[in-house]
């Protein structure tokens, strides 16, 4: 699962609109999860711990889980790692959401292995059976989601079948709480795992 573009040079996307321009005959659905509801289901002690945490988001890390060189040098340069608060508080309604996904690779102040274990547990809890919406695309469909509080992932489809999705995004601003999300991280790069 991922949320889009937290790593684009410090700009965070608020709204994502996706449209199915060319869809597959089988598979290729998009699965969505509310990270607001996932946060609300957490133990209150863990919620408090996460609220003051900052996490690193790295496009190359998530692509590297699929294949080591899937992110090209140009993509790595265009999408450098970014540090963001791990919980996004909506300034309008006060609701909090986990701000993380498959590209979240480290948590400030934690050993990399322990951080990745915690992140995996959070994603597993957020994506537990019955907690997601699976959209089966038809030509012309449009889906809107709030990337401050949503993770999504494409589901497998037959590689020889075309699948073309179009997306539009709106950048988050101060009114969305963007300034409170900027990371207070100890370096300009995430810590590296030893393994």
N, C-alpha and C. Protein backbone atom coordinates (compact mmCIF):
# COMPACT_ATOMS: atom_id res chain seq x y z
N UNK A 1 0.84 -1.18 0.00
CA UNK A 1 0.00 0.00 0.00
C UNK A 1 0.87 1.24 0.00
N UNK A 2 0.36 2.27 -0.59
CA UNK A 2 1.10 3.52 -0.58
C UNK A 2 0.13 4.69 -0.54
N UNK A 3 0.64 5.83 -0.14
CA UNK A 3 -0.04 7.09 -0.32
C UNK A 3 0.83 7.85 -1.30
N UNK A 4 0.27 8.71 -2.10
CA UNK A 4 1.04 9.28 -3.21
C UNK A 4 1.89 10.47 -2.84
N UNK A 5 3.05 10.52 -3.40
CA UNK A 5 3.94 11.66 -3.49
C UNK A 5 4.36 12.35 -2.20
N UNK A 6 4.54 11.72 -1.08
CA UNK A 6 5.05 12.47 0.05
C UNK A 6 6.50 12.82 -0.15
N UNK A 7 7.10 12.25 -1.13
CA UNK A 7 8.53 12.40 -1.34
C UNK A 7 8.87 13.42 -2.41
N UNK A 8 7.92 14.06 -3.03
CA UNK A 8 8.21 15.00 -4.12
C UNK A 8 8.66 16.35 -3.59
N UNK A 9 9.93 16.45 -3.34
CA UNK A 9 10.57 17.72 -3.00
C UNK A 9 9.79 18.52 -1.96
N UNK A 10 9.27 17.86 -0.97
CA UNK A 10 8.61 18.56 0.13
C UNK A 10 7.18 18.96 -0.15
N UNK A 11 6.63 18.62 -1.32
CA UNK A 11 5.25 18.96 -1.60
C UNK A 11 4.40 17.73 -1.36
N UNK A 12 3.34 17.88 -0.65
CA UNK A 12 2.46 16.78 -0.33
C UNK A 12 1.17 16.93 -1.09
N UNK A 13 0.67 15.86 -1.63
CA UNK A 13 -0.58 15.89 -2.38
C UNK A 13 -1.75 15.65 -1.44
N UNK A 14 -2.78 16.47 -1.59
CA UNK A 14 -3.93 16.39 -0.72
C UNK A 14 -5.01 15.50 -1.32
N UNK A 15 -5.41 15.76 -2.51
CA UNK A 15 -6.50 15.02 -3.14
C UNK A 15 -5.96 14.31 -4.36
N UNK A 16 -6.38 13.08 -4.52
CA UNK A 16 -5.99 12.30 -5.69
C UNK A 16 -7.26 11.87 -6.39
N UNK A 17 -7.34 12.16 -7.66
CA UNK A 17 -8.45 11.69 -8.47
C UNK A 17 -7.90 10.73 -9.50
N UNK A 18 -8.41 9.52 -9.53
CA UNK A 18 -7.94 8.53 -10.48
C UNK A 18 -9.06 8.16 -11.43
N UNK A 19 -8.71 7.92 -12.67
CA UNK A 19 -9.70 7.52 -13.66
C UNK A 19 -9.17 6.34 -14.45
N UNK A 20 -10.05 5.39 -14.73
CA UNK A 20 -9.68 4.22 -15.52
C UNK A 20 -9.89 4.50 -16.99
N UNK A 21 -8.80 4.80 -17.70
CA UNK A 21 -8.89 5.09 -19.12
C UNK A 21 -8.88 3.80 -19.94
N UNK A 22 -7.97 2.88 -19.63
CA UNK A 22 -7.92 1.56 -20.26
C UNK A 22 -7.84 0.56 -19.11
N UNK A 23 -8.79 -0.33 -19.05
CA UNK A 23 -8.83 -1.27 -17.92
C UNK A 23 -8.65 -2.70 -18.42
N UNK A 24 -8.22 -3.56 -17.52
CA UNK A 24 -7.97 -4.96 -17.86
C UNK A 24 -9.26 -5.76 -17.84
N UNK A 25 -9.23 -6.90 -18.49
CA UNK A 25 -10.38 -7.80 -18.45
C UNK A 25 -10.50 -8.50 -17.11
N UNK A 26 -9.36 -8.79 -16.49
CA UNK A 26 -9.31 -9.46 -15.18
C UNK A 26 -8.24 -8.83 -14.33
N UNK A 27 -8.50 -8.67 -13.05
CA UNK A 27 -7.52 -8.10 -12.13
C UNK A 27 -7.36 -6.60 -12.35
N UNK A 28 -6.27 -6.05 -11.78
CA UNK A 28 -5.98 -4.63 -11.97
C UNK A 28 -6.82 -3.69 -11.13
N UNK A 29 -7.54 -4.23 -10.15
CA UNK A 29 -8.33 -3.37 -9.29
C UNK A 29 -7.40 -2.48 -8.46
N UNK A 30 -7.97 -1.46 -7.82
CA UNK A 30 -7.23 -0.65 -6.87
C UNK A 30 -7.87 -0.83 -5.50
N UNK A 31 -7.04 -1.12 -4.50
CA UNK A 31 -7.50 -1.33 -3.14
C UNK A 31 -7.19 -0.09 -2.32
N UNK A 32 -8.18 0.40 -1.57
CA UNK A 32 -8.04 1.61 -0.76
C UNK A 32 -8.27 1.27 0.71
N UNK A 33 -7.52 1.95 1.59
CA UNK A 33 -7.65 1.78 3.04
C UNK A 33 -7.65 3.15 3.70
N UNK A 34 -8.53 3.35 4.66
CA UNK A 34 -8.55 4.59 5.43
C UNK A 34 -7.52 4.50 6.55
N UNK A 35 -6.52 5.40 6.51
CA UNK A 35 -5.55 5.42 7.60
C UNK A 35 -6.07 6.22 8.79
N UNK A 36 -7.18 6.94 8.63
CA UNK A 36 -7.87 7.55 9.78
C UNK A 36 -8.47 6.45 10.65
N UNK A 37 -9.21 5.57 10.01
CA UNK A 37 -9.83 4.48 10.76
C UNK A 37 -8.77 3.56 11.35
N UNK A 38 -7.68 3.34 10.60
CA UNK A 38 -6.59 2.50 11.12
C UNK A 38 -5.99 3.13 12.38
N UNK A 39 -5.78 4.45 12.38
CA UNK A 39 -5.25 5.13 13.56
C UNK A 39 -6.22 5.01 14.73
N UNK A 40 -7.50 5.20 14.46
CA UNK A 40 -8.50 5.15 15.52
C UNK A 40 -8.62 3.76 16.15
N UNK A 41 -8.26 2.72 15.42
CA UNK A 41 -8.32 1.35 15.96
C UNK A 41 -7.10 1.00 16.82
N UNK A 42 -6.07 1.82 16.79
CA UNK A 42 -4.84 1.54 17.56
C UNK A 42 -5.07 1.75 19.06
N UNK A 43 -4.26 1.07 19.85
CA UNK A 43 -4.25 1.27 21.29
C UNK A 43 -3.90 2.73 21.59
N UNK A 44 -4.58 3.40 22.53
CA UNK A 44 -4.30 4.81 22.83
C UNK A 44 -2.83 5.10 23.17
N UNK A 45 -2.15 4.19 23.85
CA UNK A 45 -0.74 4.41 24.18
C UNK A 45 0.10 4.45 22.91
N UNK A 46 -0.18 3.56 21.95
CA UNK A 46 0.54 3.57 20.68
C UNK A 46 0.20 4.82 19.88
N UNK A 47 -1.05 5.24 19.91
CA UNK A 47 -1.44 6.48 19.22
C UNK A 47 -0.59 7.65 19.72
N UNK A 48 -0.47 7.79 21.04
CA UNK A 48 0.31 8.90 21.61
C UNK A 48 1.77 8.82 21.19
N UNK A 49 2.32 7.62 21.18
CA UNK A 49 3.72 7.42 20.79
C UNK A 49 3.94 7.84 19.33
N UNK A 50 3.02 7.47 18.47
CA UNK A 50 3.17 7.75 17.04
C UNK A 50 2.95 9.22 16.71
N UNK A 51 2.11 9.91 17.47
CA UNK A 51 1.79 11.31 17.19
C UNK A 51 3.01 12.21 17.16
N UNK A 52 4.02 11.89 17.94
CA UNK A 52 5.23 12.72 18.00
C UNK A 52 6.39 12.11 17.21
N UNK A 53 6.10 11.14 16.36
CA UNK A 53 7.14 10.46 15.58
C UNK A 53 7.22 11.03 14.17
N UNK A 54 8.42 10.93 13.62
CA UNK A 54 8.66 11.36 12.24
C UNK A 54 9.22 10.17 11.47
N UNK A 55 8.78 10.03 10.23
CA UNK A 55 9.17 8.87 9.43
C UNK A 55 9.73 9.33 8.08
N UNK A 56 10.61 8.49 7.56
CA UNK A 56 11.20 8.72 6.25
C UNK A 56 10.41 7.97 5.19
N UNK A 57 10.13 8.67 4.07
CA UNK A 57 9.43 8.12 2.92
C UNK A 57 10.41 8.13 1.75
N UNK A 58 10.58 6.99 1.10
CA UNK A 58 11.58 6.87 0.05
C UNK A 58 11.04 6.01 -1.09
N UNK A 59 10.81 6.64 -2.24
CA UNK A 59 10.30 5.95 -3.42
C UNK A 59 11.21 4.78 -3.82
N UNK A 60 12.52 5.01 -3.79
CA UNK A 60 13.47 3.97 -4.19
C UNK A 60 13.37 2.76 -3.26
N UNK A 61 13.10 2.99 -1.98
CA UNK A 61 12.95 1.88 -1.03
C UNK A 61 11.76 0.99 -1.43
N UNK A 62 10.61 1.60 -1.71
CA UNK A 62 9.43 0.78 -2.05
C UNK A 62 9.63 0.06 -3.38
N UNK A 63 10.22 0.73 -4.37
CA UNK A 63 10.46 0.08 -5.65
C UNK A 63 11.50 -1.03 -5.49
N UNK A 64 12.48 -0.82 -4.60
CA UNK A 64 13.51 -1.82 -4.36
C UNK A 64 12.98 -3.10 -3.75
N UNK A 65 11.81 -3.05 -3.12
CA UNK A 65 11.19 -4.28 -2.60
C UNK A 65 10.74 -5.18 -3.75
N UNK A 66 10.47 -4.58 -4.91
CA UNK A 66 10.02 -5.33 -6.08
C UNK A 66 11.22 -5.82 -6.88
N UNK A 67 12.14 -4.90 -7.17
CA UNK A 67 13.38 -5.22 -7.89
C UNK A 67 14.42 -4.16 -7.53
N UNK A 68 15.67 -4.58 -7.28
CA UNK A 68 16.69 -3.65 -6.79
C UNK A 68 16.89 -2.39 -7.63
N UNK A 69 16.78 -2.50 -8.94
CA UNK A 69 17.03 -1.35 -9.81
C UNK A 69 15.76 -0.81 -10.47
N UNK A 70 14.61 -1.07 -9.87
CA UNK A 70 13.36 -0.63 -10.47
C UNK A 70 13.27 0.90 -10.52
N UNK A 71 13.76 1.60 -9.51
CA UNK A 71 13.82 3.06 -9.54
C UNK A 71 15.10 3.47 -10.25
N UNK A 72 14.97 4.17 -11.35
CA UNK A 72 16.14 4.60 -12.12
C UNK A 72 16.88 5.71 -11.37
N UNK A 73 18.13 5.96 -11.74
CA UNK A 73 18.85 7.09 -11.14
C UNK A 73 18.11 8.41 -11.30
N UNK A 74 17.46 8.62 -12.44
CA UNK A 74 16.70 9.86 -12.65
C UNK A 74 15.52 9.94 -11.69
N UNK A 75 14.83 8.82 -11.48
CA UNK A 75 13.70 8.81 -10.53
C UNK A 75 14.19 9.04 -9.11
N UNK A 76 15.30 8.43 -8.76
CA UNK A 76 15.87 8.63 -7.42
C UNK A 76 16.22 10.09 -7.19
N UNK A 77 16.77 10.74 -8.22
CA UNK A 77 17.13 12.16 -8.10
C UNK A 77 15.88 13.04 -8.02
N UNK A 78 14.86 12.69 -8.79
CA UNK A 78 13.63 13.50 -8.81
C UNK A 78 12.77 13.28 -7.57
N UNK A 79 12.90 12.11 -6.95
CA UNK A 79 12.07 11.76 -5.80
C UNK A 79 12.96 11.40 -4.60
N UNK A 80 13.67 12.36 -4.04
CA UNK A 80 14.56 12.06 -2.92
C UNK A 80 13.76 11.70 -1.67
N UNK A 81 14.37 11.01 -0.71
CA UNK A 81 13.67 10.69 0.54
C UNK A 81 13.19 11.97 1.24
N UNK A 82 12.03 11.87 1.89
CA UNK A 82 11.44 12.99 2.62
C UNK A 82 11.06 12.53 4.01
N UNK A 83 11.18 13.42 4.97
CA UNK A 83 10.82 13.13 6.35
C UNK A 83 9.52 13.86 6.70
N UNK A 84 8.53 13.10 7.19
CA UNK A 84 7.22 13.65 7.52
C UNK A 84 6.77 13.12 8.88
N UNK A 85 5.91 13.88 9.51
CA UNK A 85 5.27 13.42 10.75
C UNK A 85 4.51 12.13 10.44
N UNK A 86 4.49 11.19 11.37
CA UNK A 86 3.86 9.89 11.14
C UNK A 86 2.34 9.93 11.29
N UNK A 87 1.83 10.96 11.94
CA UNK A 87 0.38 11.12 12.11
C UNK A 87 -0.01 12.50 11.59
N UNK A 88 -0.98 12.54 10.68
CA UNK A 88 -1.47 13.78 10.10
C UNK A 88 -2.78 14.14 10.79
N UNK A 89 -2.83 15.29 11.44
CA UNK A 89 -4.06 15.77 12.08
C UNK A 89 -4.76 16.72 11.12
N UNK A 90 -5.99 16.39 10.79
CA UNK A 90 -6.78 17.25 9.91
C UNK A 90 -7.17 18.50 10.71
N UNK A 91 -6.75 19.70 10.27
CA UNK A 91 -7.02 20.90 11.05
C UNK A 91 -8.49 21.32 11.05
N UNK A 92 -9.28 20.79 10.14
CA UNK A 92 -10.70 21.15 10.07
C UNK A 92 -11.52 20.33 11.05
N UNK A 93 -11.33 19.01 11.06
CA UNK A 93 -12.17 18.16 11.91
C UNK A 93 -11.42 17.55 13.09
N UNK A 94 -10.10 17.75 13.16
CA UNK A 94 -9.31 17.25 14.28
C UNK A 94 -9.00 15.76 14.24
N UNK A 95 -9.51 15.05 13.24
CA UNK A 95 -9.24 13.61 13.16
C UNK A 95 -7.81 13.36 12.73
N UNK A 96 -7.23 12.29 13.25
CA UNK A 96 -5.84 11.95 12.98
C UNK A 96 -5.77 10.71 12.11
N UNK A 97 -4.72 10.66 11.30
CA UNK A 97 -4.52 9.53 10.39
C UNK A 97 -3.05 9.15 10.37
N UNK A 98 -2.80 7.86 10.23
CA UNK A 98 -1.43 7.41 9.99
C UNK A 98 -0.99 7.96 8.65
N UNK A 99 0.22 8.47 8.58
CA UNK A 99 0.74 8.97 7.31
C UNK A 99 1.95 8.12 6.96
N UNK A 100 1.69 7.02 6.29
CA UNK A 100 2.72 6.04 5.98
C UNK A 100 2.18 5.09 4.93
N UNK A 101 3.10 4.34 4.33
CA UNK A 101 2.72 3.33 3.35
C UNK A 101 3.95 2.51 2.99
N UNK A 102 3.92 1.85 1.86
CA UNK A 102 5.01 0.93 1.49
C UNK A 102 6.35 1.63 1.31
N UNK A 103 6.36 2.92 1.06
CA UNK A 103 7.60 3.66 0.86
C UNK A 103 8.17 4.21 2.17
N UNK A 104 7.47 4.02 3.30
CA UNK A 104 7.98 4.48 4.58
C UNK A 104 9.04 3.49 5.04
N UNK A 105 10.26 3.98 5.23
CA UNK A 105 11.38 3.05 5.43
C UNK A 105 12.06 3.17 6.78
N UNK A 106 11.81 4.23 7.53
CA UNK A 106 12.50 4.42 8.81
C UNK A 106 11.71 5.38 9.68
N UNK A 107 11.92 5.29 10.99
CA UNK A 107 11.31 6.20 11.95
C UNK A 107 12.45 6.83 12.75
N UNK A 108 12.45 8.14 12.82
CA UNK A 108 13.50 8.85 13.56
C UNK A 108 13.60 8.32 14.99
N UNK A 109 14.83 8.09 15.44
CA UNK A 109 15.08 7.67 16.81
C UNK A 109 14.92 6.18 17.06
N UNK A 110 14.58 5.41 16.04
CA UNK A 110 14.43 3.96 16.17
C UNK A 110 15.46 3.25 15.32
N UNK A 111 15.90 2.09 15.78
CA UNK A 111 16.74 1.25 14.94
C UNK A 111 15.92 0.89 13.70
N UNK A 112 16.59 0.79 12.57
CA UNK A 112 15.90 0.55 11.31
C UNK A 112 15.07 -0.73 11.36
N UNK A 113 15.64 -1.80 11.88
CA UNK A 113 14.92 -3.09 11.93
C UNK A 113 13.65 -2.97 12.77
N UNK A 114 13.74 -2.36 13.94
CA UNK A 114 12.58 -2.20 14.81
C UNK A 114 11.53 -1.29 14.15
N UNK A 115 11.99 -0.23 13.49
CA UNK A 115 11.07 0.68 12.81
C UNK A 115 10.32 -0.05 11.70
N UNK A 116 11.04 -0.83 10.92
CA UNK A 116 10.39 -1.54 9.81
C UNK A 116 9.42 -2.60 10.31
N UNK A 117 9.74 -3.22 11.43
CA UNK A 117 8.80 -4.17 12.03
C UNK A 117 7.53 -3.45 12.47
N UNK A 118 7.67 -2.29 13.12
CA UNK A 118 6.50 -1.52 13.55
C UNK A 118 5.70 -1.04 12.35
N UNK A 119 6.37 -0.54 11.33
CA UNK A 119 5.67 -0.08 10.13
C UNK A 119 4.91 -1.23 9.47
N UNK A 120 5.52 -2.41 9.40
CA UNK A 120 4.85 -3.57 8.82
C UNK A 120 3.61 -3.95 9.64
N UNK A 121 3.72 -3.89 10.96
CA UNK A 121 2.57 -4.18 11.82
C UNK A 121 1.45 -3.17 11.61
N UNK A 122 1.80 -1.89 11.48
CA UNK A 122 0.79 -0.86 11.24
C UNK A 122 0.09 -1.05 9.91
N UNK A 123 0.86 -1.37 8.87
CA UNK A 123 0.26 -1.60 7.56
C UNK A 123 -0.61 -2.85 7.59
N UNK A 124 -0.14 -3.90 8.26
CA UNK A 124 -0.93 -5.13 8.36
C UNK A 124 -2.25 -4.86 9.09
N UNK A 125 -2.21 -4.09 10.16
CA UNK A 125 -3.44 -3.77 10.89
C UNK A 125 -4.37 -2.91 10.03
N UNK A 126 -3.80 -1.95 9.31
CA UNK A 126 -4.62 -1.07 8.47
C UNK A 126 -5.29 -1.83 7.33
N UNK A 127 -4.61 -2.86 6.82
CA UNK A 127 -5.11 -3.60 5.65
C UNK A 127 -5.71 -4.95 6.03
N UNK A 128 -6.07 -5.12 7.30
CA UNK A 128 -6.66 -6.38 7.75
C UNK A 128 -7.91 -6.71 6.94
N UNK A 129 -8.23 -7.99 6.81
CA UNK A 129 -9.43 -8.37 6.06
C UNK A 129 -10.65 -7.59 6.54
N UNK A 130 -11.41 -7.10 5.58
CA UNK A 130 -12.62 -6.36 5.89
C UNK A 130 -12.41 -4.86 6.10
N UNK A 131 -11.16 -4.40 6.02
CA UNK A 131 -10.87 -2.99 6.29
C UNK A 131 -10.58 -2.18 5.02
N UNK A 132 -10.68 -2.80 3.85
CA UNK A 132 -10.35 -2.08 2.62
C UNK A 132 -11.54 -2.03 1.67
N UNK A 133 -11.44 -1.13 0.71
CA UNK A 133 -12.40 -1.04 -0.38
C UNK A 133 -11.65 -1.42 -1.65
N UNK A 134 -12.17 -2.38 -2.40
CA UNK A 134 -11.55 -2.83 -3.63
C UNK A 134 -12.38 -2.31 -4.80
N UNK A 135 -11.77 -1.43 -5.60
CA UNK A 135 -12.48 -0.86 -6.75
C UNK A 135 -12.13 -1.64 -8.02
N UNK A 136 -13.14 -2.24 -8.63
CA UNK A 136 -12.96 -2.93 -9.92
C UNK A 136 -13.28 -1.91 -11.01
N UNK A 137 -12.27 -1.53 -11.76
CA UNK A 137 -12.38 -0.45 -12.73
C UNK A 137 -13.21 -0.84 -13.94
N UNK A 138 -13.99 0.13 -14.41
CA UNK A 138 -14.67 0.08 -15.70
C UNK A 138 -14.25 1.35 -16.44
N UNK A 139 -14.21 1.31 -17.75
CA UNK A 139 -13.83 2.49 -18.52
C UNK A 139 -14.65 3.70 -18.10
N UNK A 140 -13.98 4.82 -17.85
CA UNK A 140 -14.67 6.05 -17.47
C UNK A 140 -14.87 6.24 -15.99
N UNK A 141 -14.58 5.23 -15.16
CA UNK A 141 -14.71 5.39 -13.70
C UNK A 141 -13.79 6.49 -13.20
N UNK A 142 -14.23 7.17 -12.15
CA UNK A 142 -13.42 8.17 -11.46
C UNK A 142 -13.53 7.90 -9.97
N UNK A 143 -12.39 7.90 -9.27
CA UNK A 143 -12.35 7.71 -7.82
C UNK A 143 -11.60 8.89 -7.22
N UNK A 144 -12.14 9.48 -6.18
CA UNK A 144 -11.47 10.57 -5.46
C UNK A 144 -11.08 10.06 -4.08
N UNK A 145 -9.87 10.41 -3.63
CA UNK A 145 -9.44 10.01 -2.29
C UNK A 145 -8.60 11.12 -1.67
N UNK A 146 -8.56 11.14 -0.35
CA UNK A 146 -7.78 12.12 0.40
C UNK A 146 -6.46 11.46 0.79
N UNK A 147 -5.39 11.84 0.13
CA UNK A 147 -4.10 11.18 0.36
C UNK A 147 -3.49 11.46 1.73
N UNK A 148 -4.07 12.39 2.47
CA UNK A 148 -3.60 12.60 3.84
C UNK A 148 -4.05 11.45 4.73
N UNK A 149 -5.02 10.68 4.26
CA UNK A 149 -5.60 9.65 5.11
C UNK A 149 -6.01 8.40 4.34
N UNK A 150 -5.30 8.10 3.26
CA UNK A 150 -5.63 6.93 2.45
C UNK A 150 -4.35 6.27 1.95
N UNK A 151 -4.34 4.96 1.99
CA UNK A 151 -3.32 4.18 1.29
C UNK A 151 -4.02 3.46 0.16
N UNK A 152 -3.31 3.22 -0.92
CA UNK A 152 -3.89 2.47 -2.03
C UNK A 152 -2.81 1.62 -2.69
N UNK A 153 -3.27 0.58 -3.40
CA UNK A 153 -2.36 -0.25 -4.18
C UNK A 153 -3.12 -0.87 -5.34
N UNK A 154 -2.40 -1.02 -6.43
CA UNK A 154 -2.95 -1.73 -7.57
C UNK A 154 -2.83 -3.22 -7.33
N UNK A 155 -3.84 -3.96 -7.71
CA UNK A 155 -3.83 -5.41 -7.57
C UNK A 155 -3.30 -6.03 -8.86
N UNK A 156 -2.77 -7.25 -8.79
CA UNK A 156 -2.16 -7.87 -9.98
C UNK A 156 -3.14 -8.02 -11.15
N UNK A 157 -2.57 -8.00 -12.36
CA UNK A 157 -3.33 -8.29 -13.57
C UNK A 157 -2.39 -8.96 -14.55
N UNK A 158 -2.94 -9.54 -15.59
CA UNK A 158 -2.14 -10.23 -16.59
C UNK A 158 -1.26 -9.22 -17.31
N UNK A 159 0.05 -9.48 -17.33
CA UNK A 159 1.02 -8.52 -17.83
C UNK A 159 0.78 -8.11 -19.28
N UNK A 160 0.21 -8.97 -20.08
CA UNK A 160 0.01 -8.64 -21.50
C UNK A 160 -1.27 -7.84 -21.73
N UNK A 161 -2.08 -7.66 -20.69
CA UNK A 161 -3.28 -6.83 -20.83
C UNK A 161 -2.96 -5.39 -20.48
N UNK A 162 -3.37 -4.45 -21.34
CA UNK A 162 -3.08 -3.05 -21.03
C UNK A 162 -3.89 -2.55 -19.83
N UNK A 163 -3.29 -1.66 -19.08
CA UNK A 163 -3.97 -0.99 -17.95
C UNK A 163 -3.41 0.42 -17.91
N UNK A 164 -4.24 1.40 -18.13
CA UNK A 164 -3.79 2.78 -18.16
C UNK A 164 -4.70 3.61 -17.26
N UNK A 165 -4.12 4.16 -16.21
CA UNK A 165 -4.85 4.98 -15.26
C UNK A 165 -4.39 6.44 -15.38
N UNK A 166 -5.29 7.35 -15.21
CA UNK A 166 -4.98 8.78 -15.25
C UNK A 166 -5.25 9.33 -13.86
N UNK A 167 -4.36 10.20 -13.38
CA UNK A 167 -4.59 10.77 -12.07
C UNK A 167 -4.38 12.28 -12.09
N UNK A 168 -5.10 12.93 -11.21
CA UNK A 168 -4.98 14.37 -11.00
C UNK A 168 -4.80 14.58 -9.51
N UNK A 169 -3.90 15.48 -9.12
CA UNK A 169 -3.68 15.73 -7.70
C UNK A 169 -3.71 17.22 -7.41
N UNK A 170 -4.07 17.54 -6.17
CA UNK A 170 -4.06 18.91 -5.67
C UNK A 170 -3.08 18.95 -4.52
N UNK A 171 -2.17 19.91 -4.53
CA UNK A 171 -1.16 20.00 -3.48
C UNK A 171 -1.77 20.49 -2.17
N UNK A 172 -1.29 19.91 -1.08
CA UNK A 172 -1.69 20.37 0.25
C UNK A 172 -1.02 21.72 0.54
N UNK A 173 -1.69 22.51 1.37
CA UNK A 173 -1.17 23.83 1.75
C UNK A 173 -1.26 23.98 3.26
N UNK A 174 -0.94 25.16 3.75
CA UNK A 174 -0.98 25.43 5.19
C UNK A 174 -2.37 25.17 5.76
N UNK A 175 -3.41 25.45 5.02
CA UNK A 175 -4.78 25.23 5.52
C UNK A 175 -5.06 23.73 5.74
N UNK A 176 -4.29 22.87 5.09
CA UNK A 176 -4.42 21.43 5.27
C UNK A 176 -3.56 20.90 6.41
N UNK A 177 -2.82 21.79 7.06
CA UNK A 177 -1.93 21.35 8.13
C UNK A 177 -0.54 20.97 7.65
N UNK A 178 -0.18 21.36 6.42
CA UNK A 178 1.09 20.96 5.84
C UNK A 178 2.29 21.37 6.69
N UNK A 179 2.26 22.58 7.23
CA UNK A 179 3.42 23.06 8.00
C UNK A 179 3.68 22.21 9.24
N UNK A 180 2.65 21.64 9.83
CA UNK A 180 2.84 20.79 11.02
C UNK A 180 3.39 19.42 10.67
N UNK A 181 3.37 19.07 9.39
CA UNK A 181 3.80 17.75 8.94
C UNK A 181 5.28 17.67 8.61
N UNK A 182 5.89 18.79 8.36
CA UNK A 182 7.31 18.78 7.95
C UNK A 182 8.17 18.14 9.02
N UNK A 183 9.09 17.33 8.55
CA UNK A 183 9.91 16.55 9.46
C UNK A 183 10.96 17.32 10.23
N UNK A 184 11.17 16.89 11.46
CA UNK A 184 12.29 17.38 12.27
C UNK A 184 13.26 16.22 12.37
N UNK A 185 13.87 15.91 11.26
CA UNK A 185 14.74 14.74 11.21
C UNK A 185 16.19 15.15 11.40
N UNK A 186 16.95 14.20 11.88
CA UNK A 186 18.33 14.46 12.28
C UNK A 186 19.31 14.55 11.11
N UNK A 187 18.89 14.19 9.92
CA UNK A 187 19.78 14.26 8.76
C UNK A 187 18.95 14.53 7.52
N UNK A 188 19.61 14.57 6.38
CA UNK A 188 18.90 14.78 5.12
C UNK A 188 18.61 13.47 4.40
N UNK A 189 19.02 12.36 4.98
CA UNK A 189 18.80 11.02 4.40
C UNK A 189 18.32 10.09 5.49
N UNK A 190 17.50 9.10 5.14
CA UNK A 190 17.07 8.13 6.15
C UNK A 190 18.22 7.23 6.57
N UNK A 191 18.15 6.68 7.77
CA UNK A 191 19.20 5.73 8.19
C UNK A 191 19.15 4.48 7.32
N UNK A 192 20.28 3.84 7.14
CA UNK A 192 20.38 2.63 6.34
C UNK A 192 20.29 1.40 7.23
N UNK A 193 19.66 0.38 6.72
CA UNK A 193 19.60 -0.90 7.44
C UNK A 193 20.91 -1.64 7.21
N UNK A 194 21.31 -2.41 8.21
CA UNK A 194 22.54 -3.19 8.09
C UNK A 194 22.33 -4.44 7.24
N UNK A 195 21.03 -4.84 7.12
CA UNK A 195 20.76 -6.06 6.38
C UNK A 195 20.11 -5.77 5.06
